[in-house]
């Protein structure tokens, strides 16, 4: 899971006591168990952290749909060099 945080945060795995830290304004890859940590739930609710993968995937889908439209495709007449 990839997230971006507005603050430095630490997430603790309740089973192993492993702590994962994230820095502010950096995209961080964290284990999936982080989503079950109370700090993650609180920070997500307060808007301190955001999931990064979902918006990027949505943007890629929108870009693909837009690129297929005839208005956005360049004309071949203008792309060839005259010799």
PDB file of N, CA and C in Angstrom:
ATOM      1  N   UNK A   1       0.859  -1.165   0.000  1.00  0.00           N
ATOM      2  CA  UNK A   1       0.000   0.000   0.000  1.00  0.00           C
ATOM      3  C   UNK A   1       0.906   1.230   0.000  1.00  0.00           C
ATOM      4  N   UNK A   2       0.512   2.239  -0.783  1.00  0.00           N
ATOM      5  CA  UNK A   2       1.290   3.474  -0.863  1.00  0.00           C
ATOM      6  C   UNK A   2       0.454   4.619  -0.312  1.00  0.00           C
ATOM      7  N   UNK A   3       1.078   5.427   0.565  1.00  0.00           N
ATOM      8  CA  UNK A   3       0.378   6.550   1.172  1.00  0.00           C
ATOM      9  C   UNK A   3       1.267   7.782   1.151  1.00  0.00           C
ATOM     10  N   UNK A   4       0.651   8.939   1.311  1.00  0.00           N
ATOM     11  CA  UNK A   4       1.375  10.181   1.502  1.00  0.00           C
ATOM     12  C   UNK A   4       0.816  10.816   2.773  1.00  0.00           C
ATOM     13  N   UNK A   5       1.710  11.365   3.589  1.00  0.00           N
ATOM     14  CA  UNK A   5       1.320  11.912   4.876  1.00  0.00           C
ATOM     15  C   UNK A   5       1.715  13.381   4.967  1.00  0.00           C
ATOM     16  N   UNK A   6       0.919  14.149   5.676  1.00  0.00           N
ATOM     17  CA  UNK A   6       1.239  15.549   5.925  1.00  0.00           C
ATOM     18  C   UNK A   6       2.105  15.714   7.167  1.00  0.00           C
ATOM     19  N   UNK A   7       2.242  14.647   7.964  1.00  0.00           N
ATOM     20  CA  UNK A   7       3.019  14.667   9.203  1.00  0.00           C
ATOM     21  C   UNK A   7       3.841  13.391   9.319  1.00  0.00           C
ATOM     22  N   UNK A   8       4.858  13.438  10.183  1.00  0.00           N
ATOM     23  CA  UNK A   8       5.589  12.209  10.511  1.00  0.00           C
ATOM     24  C   UNK A   8       4.686  11.353  11.390  1.00  0.00           C
ATOM     25  N   UNK A   9       4.551  10.084  11.031  1.00  0.00           N
ATOM     26  CA  UNK A   9       3.702   9.169  11.790  1.00  0.00           C
ATOM     27  C   UNK A   9       4.387   7.818  11.916  1.00  0.00           C
ATOM     28  N   UNK A  10       4.003   7.086  12.958  1.00  0.00           N
ATOM     29  CA  UNK A  10       4.467   5.716  13.133  1.00  0.00           C
ATOM     30  C   UNK A  10       3.286   4.789  13.297  1.00  0.00           C
ATOM     31  N   UNK A  11       3.350   3.643  12.650  1.00  0.00           N
ATOM     32  CA  UNK A  11       2.282   2.649  12.719  1.00  0.00           C
ATOM     33  C   UNK A  11       2.843   1.372  13.334  1.00  0.00           C
ATOM     34  N   UNK A  12       2.113   0.800  14.294  1.00  0.00           N
ATOM     35  CA  UNK A  12       2.586  -0.390  15.007  1.00  0.00           C
ATOM     36  C   UNK A  12       1.734  -1.604  14.655  1.00  0.00           C
ATOM     37  N   UNK A  13       2.437  -2.693  14.316  1.00  0.00           N
ATOM     38  CA  UNK A  13       1.784  -3.973  14.090  1.00  0.00           C
ATOM     39  C   UNK A  13       1.488  -4.585  15.461  1.00  0.00           C
ATOM     40  N   UNK A  14       0.236  -4.821  15.770  1.00  0.00           N
ATOM     41  CA  UNK A  14      -0.159  -5.341  17.079  1.00  0.00           C
ATOM     42  C   UNK A  14       0.336  -6.749  17.340  1.00  0.00           C
ATOM     43  N   UNK A  15       0.579  -7.516  16.295  1.00  0.00           N
ATOM     44  CA  UNK A  15       1.025  -8.901  16.472  1.00  0.00           C
ATOM     45  C   UNK A  15       2.528  -9.004  16.707  1.00  0.00           C
ATOM     46  N   UNK A  16       3.322  -8.215  15.983  1.00  0.00           N
ATOM     47  CA  UNK A  16       4.779  -8.346  16.054  1.00  0.00           C
ATOM     48  C   UNK A  16       5.464  -7.152  16.721  1.00  0.00           C
ATOM     49  N   UNK A  17       4.722  -6.097  17.022  1.00  0.00           N
ATOM     50  CA  UNK A  17       5.249  -4.841  17.571  1.00  0.00           C
ATOM     51  C   UNK A  17       6.214  -4.134  16.626  1.00  0.00           C
ATOM     52  N   UNK A  18       6.216  -4.502  15.355  1.00  0.00           N
ATOM     53  CA  UNK A  18       7.019  -3.807  14.352  1.00  0.00           C
ATOM     54  C   UNK A  18       6.434  -2.408  14.153  1.00  0.00           C
ATOM     55  N   UNK A  19       7.290  -1.400  14.045  1.00  0.00           N
ATOM     56  CA  UNK A  19       6.841  -0.031  13.813  1.00  0.00           C
ATOM     57  C   UNK A  19       7.349   0.422  12.448  1.00  0.00           C
ATOM     58  N   UNK A  20       6.460   1.016  11.686  1.00  0.00           N
ATOM     59  CA  UNK A  20       6.800   1.564  10.376  1.00  0.00           C
ATOM     60  C   UNK A  20       6.562   3.071  10.456  1.00  0.00           C
ATOM     61  N   UNK A  21       7.579   3.846  10.072  1.00  0.00           N
ATOM     62  CA  UNK A  21       7.473   5.300  10.099  1.00  0.00           C
ATOM     63  C   UNK A  21       7.310   5.851   8.695  1.00  0.00           C
ATOM     64  N   UNK A  22       6.558   6.950   8.591  1.00  0.00           N
ATOM     65  CA  UNK A  22       6.438   7.674   7.333  1.00  0.00           C
ATOM     66  C   UNK A  22       6.841   9.124   7.586  1.00  0.00           C
ATOM     67  N   UNK A  23       7.451   9.729   6.581  1.00  0.00           N
ATOM     68  CA  UNK A  23       7.874  11.123   6.668  1.00  0.00           C
ATOM     69  C   UNK A  23       6.845  12.011   5.996  1.00  0.00           C
ATOM     70  N   UNK A  24       6.814  13.271   6.390  1.00  0.00           N
ATOM     71  CA  UNK A  24       5.833  14.164   5.773  1.00  0.00           C
ATOM     72  C   UNK A  24       6.156  14.458   4.310  1.00  0.00           C
ATOM     73  N   UNK A  25       5.098  14.515   3.503  1.00  0.00           N
ATOM     74  CA  UNK A  25       5.154  14.881   2.084  1.00  0.00           C
ATOM     75  C   UNK A  25       6.017  13.955   1.238  1.00  0.00           C
ATOM     76  N   UNK A  26       6.155  12.703   1.663  1.00  0.00           N
ATOM     77  CA  UNK A  26       6.835  11.682   0.875  1.00  0.00           C
ATOM     78  C   UNK A  26       5.855  10.543   0.611  1.00  0.00           C
ATOM     79  N   UNK A  27       5.911  10.001  -0.586  1.00  0.00           N
ATOM     80  CA  UNK A  27       5.106   8.819  -0.884  1.00  0.00           C
ATOM     81  C   UNK A  27       5.831   7.628  -0.273  1.00  0.00           C
ATOM     82  N   UNK A  28       5.142   6.915   0.599  1.00  0.00           N
ATOM     83  CA  UNK A  28       5.739   5.790   1.321  1.00  0.00           C
ATOM     84  C   UNK A  28       5.008   4.506   0.990  1.00  0.00           C
ATOM     85  N   UNK A  29       5.769   3.435   0.831  1.00  0.00           N
ATOM     86  CA  UNK A  29       5.197   2.109   0.661  1.00  0.00           C
ATOM     87  C   UNK A  29       5.197   1.441   2.027  1.00  0.00           C
ATOM     88  N   UNK A  30       4.020   1.050   2.488  1.00  0.00           N
ATOM     89  CA  UNK A  30       3.888   0.453   3.817  1.00  0.00           C
ATOM     90  C   UNK A  30       3.183  -0.888   3.688  1.00  0.00           C
ATOM     91  N   UNK A  31       3.396  -1.786   4.659  1.00  0.00           N
ATOM     92  CA  UNK A  31       2.716  -3.091   4.611  1.00  0.00           C
ATOM     93  C   UNK A  31       1.196  -2.932   4.744  1.00  0.00           C
ATOM     94  N   UNK A  32       0.461  -3.919   4.280  1.00  0.00           N
ATOM     95  CA  UNK A  32      -1.003  -3.869   4.313  1.00  0.00           C
ATOM     96  C   UNK A  32      -1.567  -3.832   5.728  1.00  0.00           C
ATOM     97  N   UNK A  33      -0.836  -4.380   6.713  1.00  0.00           N
ATOM     98  CA  UNK A  33      -1.353  -4.385   8.083  1.00  0.00           C
ATOM     99  C   UNK A  33      -1.487  -2.976   8.654  1.00  0.00           C
ATOM    100  N   UNK A  34      -0.836  -1.992   8.058  1.00  0.00           N
ATOM    101  CA  UNK A  34      -0.917  -0.611   8.535  1.00  0.00           C
ATOM    102  C   UNK A  34      -2.369  -0.128   8.519  1.00  0.00           C
ATOM    103  N   UNK A  35      -3.168  -0.598   7.570  1.00  0.00           N
ATOM    104  CA  UNK A  35      -4.571  -0.169   7.472  1.00  0.00           C
ATOM    105  C   UNK A  35      -5.388  -0.559   8.705  1.00  0.00           C
ATOM    106  N   UNK A  36      -4.911  -1.505   9.503  1.00  0.00           N
ATOM    107  CA  UNK A  36      -5.620  -1.927  10.710  1.00  0.00           C
ATOM    108  C   UNK A  36      -5.159  -1.177  11.956  1.00  0.00           C
ATOM    109  N   UNK A  37      -4.106  -0.371  11.850  1.00  0.00           N
ATOM    110  CA  UNK A  37      -3.579   0.363  12.996  1.00  0.00           C
ATOM    111  C   UNK A  37      -4.477   1.560  13.317  1.00  0.00           C
ATOM    112  N   UNK A  38      -4.683   1.821  14.608  1.00  0.00           N
ATOM    113  CA  UNK A  38      -5.542   2.928  15.022  1.00  0.00           C
ATOM    114  C   UNK A  38      -4.989   4.280  14.576  1.00  0.00           C
ATOM    115  N   UNK A  39      -3.673   4.433  14.539  1.00  0.00           N
ATOM    116  CA  UNK A  39      -3.076   5.687  14.078  1.00  0.00           C
ATOM    117  C   UNK A  39      -3.417   5.946  12.613  1.00  0.00           C
ATOM    118  N   UNK A  40      -3.381   4.897  11.797  1.00  0.00           N
ATOM    119  CA  UNK A  40      -3.745   5.021  10.382  1.00  0.00           C
ATOM    120  C   UNK A  40      -5.211   5.423  10.247  1.00  0.00           C
ATOM    121  N   UNK A  41      -6.076   4.766  10.991  1.00  0.00           N
ATOM    122  CA  UNK A  41      -7.511   5.059  10.917  1.00  0.00           C
ATOM    123  C   UNK A  41      -7.777   6.508  11.331  1.00  0.00           C
ATOM    124  N   UNK A  42      -7.142   6.946  12.412  1.00  0.00           N
ATOM    125  CA  UNK A  42      -7.314   8.326  12.867  1.00  0.00           C
ATOM    126  C   UNK A  42      -6.782   9.320  11.835  1.00  0.00           C
ATOM    127  N   UNK A  43      -5.569   9.082  11.340  1.00  0.00           N
ATOM    128  CA  UNK A  43      -4.948  10.002  10.390  1.00  0.00           C
ATOM    129  C   UNK A  43      -5.737  10.062   9.082  1.00  0.00           C
ATOM    130  N   UNK A  44      -6.264   8.947   8.648  1.00  0.00           N
ATOM    131  CA  UNK A  44      -7.078   8.905   7.430  1.00  0.00           C
ATOM    132  C   UNK A  44      -8.363   9.709   7.629  1.00  0.00           C
ATOM    133  N   UNK A  45      -8.995   9.563   8.795  1.00  0.00           N
ATOM    134  CA  UNK A  45     -10.219  10.285   9.115  1.00  0.00           C
ATOM    135  C   UNK A  45      -9.975  11.793   9.171  1.00  0.00           C
ATOM    136  N   UNK A  46      -8.823  12.197   9.713  1.00  0.00           N
ATOM    137  CA  UNK A  46      -8.495  13.614   9.856  1.00  0.00           C
ATOM    138  C   UNK A  46      -7.936  14.228   8.569  1.00  0.00           C
ATOM    139  N   UNK A  47      -7.677  13.414   7.564  1.00  0.00           N
ATOM    140  CA  UNK A  47      -7.138  13.932   6.305  1.00  0.00           C
ATOM    141  C   UNK A  47      -5.633  14.147   6.329  1.00  0.00           C
ATOM    142  N   UNK A  48      -4.949  13.546   7.292  1.00  0.00           N
ATOM    143  CA  UNK A  48      -3.497  13.695   7.409  1.00  0.00           C
ATOM    144  C   UNK A  48      -2.776  12.795   6.410  1.00  0.00           C
ATOM    145  N   UNK A  49      -3.374  11.646   6.107  1.00  0.00           N
ATOM    146  CA  UNK A  49      -2.786  10.751   5.107  1.00  0.00           C
ATOM    147  C   UNK A  49      -3.805  10.453   4.026  1.00  0.00           C
ATOM    148  N   UNK A  50      -3.286  10.125   2.842  1.00  0.00           N
ATOM    149  CA  UNK A  50      -4.125   9.742   1.714  1.00  0.00           C
ATOM    150  C   UNK A  50      -3.500   8.540   1.026  1.00  0.00           C
ATOM    151  N   UNK A  51      -4.340   7.670   0.509  1.00  0.00           N
ATOM    152  CA  UNK A  51      -3.858   6.567  -0.317  1.00  0.00           C
ATOM    153  C   UNK A  51      -3.447   7.146  -1.664  1.00  0.00           C
ATOM    154  N   UNK A  52      -2.305   6.706  -2.161  1.00  0.00           N
ATOM    155  CA  UNK A  52      -1.778   7.274  -3.400  1.00  0.00           C
ATOM    156  C   UNK A  52      -2.182   6.458  -4.612  1.00  0.00           C
ATOM    157  N   UNK A  53      -2.270   5.161  -4.520  1.00  0.00           N
ATOM    158  CA  UNK A  53      -2.486   4.310  -5.691  1.00  0.00           C
ATOM    159  C   UNK A  53      -3.833   4.536  -6.350  1.00  0.00           C
ATOM    160  N   UNK A  54      -4.889   4.716  -5.585  1.00  0.00           N
ATOM    161  CA  UNK A  54      -6.215   4.847  -6.179  1.00  0.00           C
ATOM    162  C   UNK A  54      -6.340   6.081  -7.072  1.00  0.00           C
ATOM    163  N   UNK A  55      -5.928   7.286  -6.638  1.00  0.00           N
ATOM    164  CA  UNK A  55      -6.041   8.437  -7.534  1.00  0.00           C
ATOM    165  C   UNK A  55      -5.170   8.311  -8.778  1.00  0.00           C
ATOM    166  N   UNK A  56      -3.989   7.716  -8.652  1.00  0.00           N
ATOM    167  CA  UNK A  56      -3.111   7.563  -9.806  1.00  0.00           C
ATOM    168  C   UNK A  56      -3.747   6.617 -10.822  1.00  0.00           C
ATOM    169  N   UNK A  57      -4.307   5.508 -10.359  1.00  0.00           N
ATOM    170  CA  UNK A  57      -4.951   4.568 -11.266  1.00  0.00           C
ATOM    171  C   UNK A  57      -6.151   5.222 -11.948  1.00  0.00           C
ATOM    172  N   UNK A  58      -6.928   6.004 -11.222  1.00  0.00           N
ATOM    173  CA  UNK A  58      -8.074   6.691 -11.816  1.00  0.00           C
ATOM    174  C   UNK A  58      -7.604   7.697 -12.860  1.00  0.00           C
ATOM    175  N   UNK A  59      -6.526   8.398 -12.580  1.00  0.00           N
ATOM    176  CA  UNK A  59      -5.999   9.373 -13.538  1.00  0.00           C
ATOM    177  C   UNK A  59      -5.514   8.668 -14.802  1.00  0.00           C
ATOM    178  N   UNK A  60      -4.906   7.493 -14.646  1.00  0.00           N
ATOM    179  CA  UNK A  60      -4.427   6.752 -15.804  1.00  0.00           C
ATOM    180  C   UNK A  60      -5.602   6.291 -16.665  1.00  0.00           C
ATOM    181  N   UNK A  61      -6.684   5.850 -16.049  1.00  0.00           N
ATOM    182  CA  UNK A  61      -7.858   5.417 -16.794  1.00  0.00           C
ATOM    183  C   UNK A  61      -8.459   6.599 -17.542  1.00  0.00           C
ATOM    184  N   UNK A  62      -8.573   7.741 -16.879  1.00  0.00           N
ATOM    185  CA  UNK A  62      -9.118   8.933 -17.533  1.00  0.00           C
ATOM    186  C   UNK A  62      -8.230   9.380 -18.688  1.00  0.00           C
ATOM    187  N   UNK A  63      -6.922   9.322 -18.525  1.00  0.00           N
ATOM    188  CA  UNK A  63      -6.010   9.725 -19.589  1.00  0.00           C
ATOM    189  C   UNK A  63      -6.147   8.791 -20.792  1.00  0.00           C
ATOM    190  N   UNK A  64      -6.316   7.506 -20.546  1.00  0.00           N
ATOM    191  CA  UNK A  64      -6.468   6.538 -21.636  1.00  0.00           C
ATOM    192  C   UNK A  64      -7.757   6.813 -22.402  1.00  0.00           C
ATOM    193  N   UNK A  65      -8.828   7.091 -21.707  1.00  0.00           N
ATOM    194  CA  UNK A  65     -10.098   7.368 -22.356  1.00  0.00           C
ATOM    195  C   UNK A  65      -9.994   8.650 -23.172  1.00  0.00           C
ATOM    196  N   UNK A  66      -9.371   9.678 -22.630  1.00  0.00           N
ATOM    197  CA  UNK A  66      -9.243  10.949 -23.334  1.00  0.00           C
ATOM    198  C   UNK A  66      -8.332  10.827 -24.552  1.00  0.00           C
ATOM    199  N   UNK A  67      -7.267  10.039 -24.459  1.00  0.00           N
ATOM    200  CA  UNK A  67      -6.324   9.903 -25.561  1.00  0.00           C
ATOM    201  C   UNK A  67      -6.932   9.196 -26.767  1.00  0.00           C
ATOM    202  N   UNK A  68      -7.970   8.407 -26.575  1.00  0.00           N
ATOM    203  CA  UNK A  68      -8.587   7.687 -27.678  1.00  0.00           C
ATOM    204  C   UNK A  68      -9.554   8.544 -28.484  1.00  0.00           C
ATOM    205  N   UNK A  69      -9.890   9.711 -27.997  1.00  0.00           N
ATOM    206  CA  UNK A  69     -10.832  10.550 -28.735  1.00  0.00           C
ATOM    207  C   UNK A  69     -10.148  11.175 -29.948  1.00  0.00           C
ATOM    208  N   UNK A  70     -10.867  11.363 -31.061  1.00  0.00           N
ATOM    209  CA  UNK A  70     -10.249  11.878 -32.288  1.00  0.00           C
ATOM    210  C   UNK A  70      -9.737  13.309 -32.144  1.00  0.00           C
ATOM    211  N   UNK A  71     -10.314  14.098 -31.251  1.00  0.00           N
ATOM    212  CA  UNK A  71      -9.870  15.478 -31.113  1.00  0.00           C
ATOM    213  C   UNK A  71      -8.455  15.579 -30.538  1.00  0.00           C
ATOM    214  N   UNK A  72      -8.054  14.613 -29.717  1.00  0.00           N
ATOM    215  CA  UNK A  72      -6.750  14.698 -29.067  1.00  0.00           C
ATOM    216  C   UNK A  72      -5.638  14.042 -29.874  1.00  0.00           C
ATOM    217  N   UNK A  73      -5.980  13.263 -30.893  1.00  0.00           N
ATOM    218  CA  UNK A  73      -4.957  12.612 -31.699  1.00  0.00           C
ATOM    219  C   UNK A  73      -4.366  13.610 -32.694  1.00  0.00           C
ATOM    220  N   UNK A  74      -3.046  13.651 -32.820  1.00  0.00           N
ATOM    221  CA  UNK A  74      -2.451  14.574 -33.785  1.00  0.00           C
ATOM    222  C   UNK A  74      -2.719  14.112 -35.211  1.00  0.00           C
ATOM    223  N   UNK A  75      -2.820  15.049 -36.082  1.00  0.00           N
ATOM    224  CA  UNK A  75      -3.043  14.739 -37.480  1.00  0.00           C
ATOM    225  C   UNK A  75      -1.746  14.245 -38.099  1.00  0.00           C
ATOM    226  N   UNK A  76      -1.828  13.227 -38.932  1.00  0.00           N
ATOM    227  CA  UNK A  76      -0.614  12.699 -39.574  1.00  0.00           C
ATOM    228  C   UNK A  76      -0.100  13.658 -40.643  1.00  0.00           C
ATOM    229  N   UNK A  77      -0.979  14.442 -41.200  1.00  0.00           N
ATOM    230  CA  UNK A  77      -0.542  15.390 -42.235  1.00  0.00           C
ATOM    231  C   UNK A  77       0.497  16.361 -41.699  1.00  0.00           C
ATOM    232  N   UNK A  78       0.321  16.778 -40.479  1.00  0.00           N
ATOM    233  CA  UNK A  78       1.196  17.811 -39.920  1.00  0.00           C
ATOM    234  C   UNK A  78       2.431  17.224 -39.236  1.00  0.00           C
ATOM    235  N   UNK A  79       2.444  15.933 -39.012  1.00  0.00           N
ATOM    236  CA  UNK A  79       3.561  15.338 -38.282  1.00  0.00           C
ATOM    237  C   UNK A  79       4.711  14.883 -39.202  1.00  0.00           C
ATOM    238  N   UNK A  80       4.475  14.772 -40.515  1.00  0.00           N
ATOM    239  CA  UNK A  80       5.517  14.333 -41.428  1.00  0.00           C
ATOM    240  C   UNK A  80       6.347  15.512 -41.902  1.00  0.00           C
ATOM    241  N   UNK A  81       7.620  15.258 -42.065  1.00  0.00           N
ATOM    242  CA  UNK A  81       8.513  16.285 -42.597  1.00  0.00           C
ATOM    243  C   UNK A  81       8.448  16.261 -44.121  1.00  0.00           C
ATOM    244  N   UNK A  82       8.477  17.421 -44.701  1.00  0.00           N
ATOM    245  CA  UNK A  82       8.516  17.504 -46.154  1.00  0.00           C
ATOM    246  C   UNK A  82       9.950  17.410 -46.604  1.00  0.00           C
ATOM    247  N   UNK A  83      10.185  16.658 -47.629  1.00  0.00           N
ATOM    248  CA  UNK A  83      11.564  16.498 -48.138  1.00  0.00           C
ATOM    249  C   UNK A  83      11.784  17.289 -49.374  1.00  0.00           C
TER     250      UNK A  83
END
